Amino acid sequence: MPEKNWLQALTRSTRDKWIGGICGGLGEHTPIPAWSWRFLFAVLFLFWGTGLVLYLLLWIFVPRGAEGSAE
C-alpha cells in the first residue's frame, strides 16, 4: 500500500489550535511553522478577504486529528 502524501494525511491539530486547528495542523504536516500559516491567513483576509473563506472551507473539509497522535 503506498504511503500517503502530506495533503492526504492532513488533519486539524488538537494540540496547537486557536480557533479550529487548521494552522496548527498545517504546521504539523508541513515544514512551515503554524505561526507562519496564521500570518498568511491574516494577510489574505486583510488584503483580499479570501483568507477567511479559505480557512472556513479547510475547517469544514479537513478532518480532526486523533488526540495525542501527532508528535
N, C-alpha and C. Protein backbone atom coordinates (compact mmCIF):
# COMPACT_ATOMS: atom_id res chain seq x y z
N MET A 1 0.85 -1.17 0.00
CA MET A 1 0.00 0.00 0.00
C MET A 1 0.90 1.23 0.00
N PRO A 2 0.72 2.15 -0.94
CA PRO A 2 1.59 3.34 -0.99
C PRO A 2 1.34 4.28 0.18
N GLU A 3 2.39 5.00 0.56
CA GLU A 3 2.27 5.96 1.66
C GLU A 3 1.44 7.15 1.22
N LYS A 4 0.78 7.77 2.17
CA LYS A 4 0.02 8.98 1.89
C LYS A 4 0.98 10.16 1.84
N ASN A 5 0.70 11.13 0.96
CA ASN A 5 1.48 12.35 0.98
C ASN A 5 0.94 13.26 2.07
N TRP A 6 1.58 14.40 2.29
CA TRP A 6 1.20 15.26 3.42
C TRP A 6 -0.22 15.80 3.28
N LEU A 7 -0.68 15.98 2.05
CA LEU A 7 -2.02 16.51 1.86
C LEU A 7 -3.09 15.47 2.21
N GLN A 8 -2.84 14.22 1.89
CA GLN A 8 -3.78 13.17 2.23
C GLN A 8 -3.79 12.89 3.73
N ALA A 9 -2.67 13.15 4.39
CA ALA A 9 -2.58 12.90 5.83
C ALA A 9 -2.94 14.12 6.66
N LEU A 10 -3.29 15.24 6.02
CA LEU A 10 -3.58 16.48 6.73
C LEU A 10 -4.79 16.34 7.65
N THR A 11 -4.61 16.72 8.90
CA THR A 11 -5.70 16.74 9.87
C THR A 11 -5.59 18.04 10.66
N ARG A 12 -6.70 18.43 11.28
CA ARG A 12 -6.68 19.60 12.16
C ARG A 12 -5.96 19.21 13.45
N SER A 13 -5.22 20.14 13.99
CA SER A 13 -4.47 19.87 15.22
C SER A 13 -5.41 19.90 16.42
N THR A 14 -5.15 19.02 17.36
CA THR A 14 -5.89 19.05 18.62
C THR A 14 -5.05 19.66 19.73
N ARG A 15 -3.75 19.86 19.47
CA ARG A 15 -2.86 20.44 20.48
C ARG A 15 -2.57 21.90 20.21
N ASP A 16 -2.25 22.26 18.96
CA ASP A 16 -1.87 23.62 18.60
C ASP A 16 -3.01 24.27 17.84
N LYS A 17 -4.03 24.73 18.59
CA LYS A 17 -5.16 25.33 17.92
C LYS A 17 -5.59 26.59 18.65
N TRP A 18 -5.99 27.57 17.86
CA TRP A 18 -6.54 28.80 18.41
C TRP A 18 -8.04 28.84 18.16
N ILE A 19 -8.43 28.56 16.94
CA ILE A 19 -9.86 28.57 16.60
C ILE A 19 -10.28 27.17 16.18
N GLY A 20 -9.82 26.73 15.01
CA GLY A 20 -10.25 25.44 14.50
C GLY A 20 -9.16 24.40 14.39
N GLY A 21 -7.90 24.81 14.59
CA GLY A 21 -6.79 23.87 14.49
C GLY A 21 -6.23 23.70 13.09
N ILE A 22 -6.70 24.51 12.14
CA ILE A 22 -6.24 24.40 10.76
C ILE A 22 -4.76 24.78 10.66
N CYS A 23 -4.38 25.92 11.16
CA CYS A 23 -2.99 26.37 11.06
C CYS A 23 -2.05 25.47 11.86
N GLY A 24 -2.49 24.99 12.99
CA GLY A 24 -1.69 24.04 13.76
C GLY A 24 -1.49 22.73 13.01
N GLY A 25 -2.54 22.27 12.35
CA GLY A 25 -2.44 21.05 11.55
C GLY A 25 -1.52 21.23 10.36
N LEU A 26 -1.61 22.38 9.70
CA LEU A 26 -0.70 22.67 8.60
C LEU A 26 0.74 22.75 9.09
N GLY A 27 0.92 23.31 10.28
CA GLY A 27 2.26 23.39 10.87
C GLY A 27 2.82 22.03 11.23
N GLU A 28 1.98 21.10 11.61
CA GLU A 28 2.43 19.76 11.97
C GLU A 28 2.76 18.92 10.74
N HIS A 29 2.09 19.18 9.63
CA HIS A 29 2.24 18.34 8.44
C HIS A 29 3.11 18.93 7.35
N THR A 30 3.58 20.17 7.53
CA THR A 30 4.46 20.81 6.56
C THR A 30 5.68 21.36 7.30
N PRO A 31 6.74 21.69 6.58
CA PRO A 31 7.92 22.26 7.24
C PRO A 31 7.74 23.72 7.67
N ILE A 32 6.60 24.32 7.33
CA ILE A 32 6.33 25.72 7.68
C ILE A 32 5.66 25.75 9.06
N PRO A 33 6.15 26.58 10.00
CA PRO A 33 5.54 26.62 11.34
C PRO A 33 4.13 27.20 11.33
N ALA A 34 3.37 26.87 12.36
CA ALA A 34 1.97 27.27 12.45
C ALA A 34 1.81 28.79 12.47
N TRP A 35 2.73 29.51 13.11
CA TRP A 35 2.60 30.97 13.16
C TRP A 35 2.69 31.58 11.76
N SER A 36 3.45 30.96 10.88
CA SER A 36 3.54 31.46 9.50
C SER A 36 2.23 31.25 8.76
N TRP A 37 1.59 30.11 8.98
CA TRP A 37 0.29 29.87 8.37
C TRP A 37 -0.74 30.86 8.90
N ARG A 38 -0.70 31.16 10.20
CA ARG A 38 -1.64 32.14 10.78
C ARG A 38 -1.42 33.51 10.16
N PHE A 39 -0.15 33.89 10.00
CA PHE A 39 0.17 35.18 9.40
C PHE A 39 -0.33 35.23 7.96
N LEU A 40 -0.13 34.15 7.20
CA LEU A 40 -0.57 34.10 5.81
C LEU A 40 -2.09 34.24 5.71
N PHE A 41 -2.83 33.53 6.54
CA PHE A 41 -4.28 33.63 6.50
C PHE A 41 -4.74 35.03 6.90
N ALA A 42 -4.07 35.66 7.87
CA ALA A 42 -4.41 37.02 8.28
C ALA A 42 -4.16 38.02 7.15
N VAL A 43 -3.03 37.89 6.46
CA VAL A 43 -2.73 38.78 5.34
C VAL A 43 -3.74 38.60 4.21
N LEU A 44 -4.04 37.35 3.89
CA LEU A 44 -5.05 37.09 2.85
C LEU A 44 -6.41 37.66 3.24
N PHE A 45 -6.75 37.60 4.51
CA PHE A 45 -8.02 38.14 4.97
C PHE A 45 -8.03 39.66 4.88
N LEU A 46 -6.96 40.30 5.33
CA LEU A 46 -6.92 41.76 5.36
C LEU A 46 -6.86 42.38 3.97
N PHE A 47 -6.14 41.78 3.05
CA PHE A 47 -5.96 42.40 1.75
C PHE A 47 -6.98 41.96 0.71
N TRP A 48 -7.36 40.72 0.70
CA TRP A 48 -8.27 40.25 -0.34
C TRP A 48 -9.52 39.58 0.20
N GLY A 49 -9.58 39.34 1.49
CA GLY A 49 -10.77 38.72 2.07
C GLY A 49 -10.89 37.22 1.84
N THR A 50 -9.93 36.64 1.12
CA THR A 50 -10.02 35.22 0.81
C THR A 50 -9.53 34.35 1.95
N GLY A 51 -8.76 34.90 2.88
CA GLY A 51 -8.23 34.11 3.98
C GLY A 51 -9.32 33.50 4.83
N LEU A 52 -10.36 34.27 5.09
CA LEU A 52 -11.47 33.77 5.90
C LEU A 52 -12.22 32.66 5.18
N VAL A 53 -12.49 32.86 3.90
CA VAL A 53 -13.21 31.85 3.12
C VAL A 53 -12.40 30.56 3.04
N LEU A 54 -11.11 30.69 2.75
CA LEU A 54 -10.24 29.52 2.67
C LEU A 54 -10.15 28.80 4.01
N TYR A 55 -10.01 29.56 5.10
CA TYR A 55 -9.93 28.96 6.43
C TYR A 55 -11.22 28.21 6.77
N LEU A 56 -12.36 28.82 6.48
CA LEU A 56 -13.63 28.16 6.77
C LEU A 56 -13.82 26.89 5.96
N LEU A 57 -13.42 26.91 4.69
CA LEU A 57 -13.52 25.71 3.87
C LEU A 57 -12.61 24.60 4.41
N LEU A 58 -11.39 24.96 4.80
CA LEU A 58 -10.50 23.96 5.38
C LEU A 58 -11.05 23.42 6.69
N TRP A 59 -11.66 24.30 7.49
CA TRP A 59 -12.24 23.89 8.77
C TRP A 59 -13.37 22.87 8.54
N ILE A 60 -14.12 23.05 7.49
CA ILE A 60 -15.22 22.15 7.18
C ILE A 60 -14.72 20.81 6.64
N PHE A 61 -13.74 20.85 5.72
CA PHE A 61 -13.37 19.65 4.98
C PHE A 61 -12.17 18.87 5.51
N VAL A 62 -11.34 19.48 6.35
CA VAL A 62 -10.18 18.76 6.90
C VAL A 62 -10.62 18.06 8.18
N PRO A 63 -10.39 16.76 8.28
CA PRO A 63 -10.83 16.02 9.47
C PRO A 63 -10.01 16.39 10.71
N ARG A 64 -10.62 16.20 11.86
CA ARG A 64 -9.94 16.45 13.13
C ARG A 64 -8.95 15.33 13.40
N GLY A 65 -7.77 15.70 13.89
CA GLY A 65 -6.75 14.71 14.22
C GLY A 65 -7.10 13.97 15.49
N ALA A 66 -6.53 12.79 15.65
CA ALA A 66 -6.76 12.00 16.86
C ALA A 66 -5.96 12.60 18.02
N GLU A 67 -6.50 12.50 19.20
CA GLU A 67 -5.83 13.03 20.39
C GLU A 67 -4.51 12.33 20.60
N GLY A 68 -3.46 13.12 20.68
CA GLY A 68 -2.14 12.58 21.03
C GLY A 68 -1.45 11.81 19.92
N SER A 69 -2.01 11.78 18.70
CA SER A 69 -1.38 11.01 17.64
C SER A 69 -0.25 11.76 16.97
N ALA A 70 -0.30 13.08 16.98
CA ALA A 70 0.78 13.88 16.36
C ALA A 70 1.93 14.05 17.33
N GLU A 71 3.12 14.05 16.79
CA GLU A 71 4.28 14.21 17.66
C GLU A 71 4.88 15.56 17.50
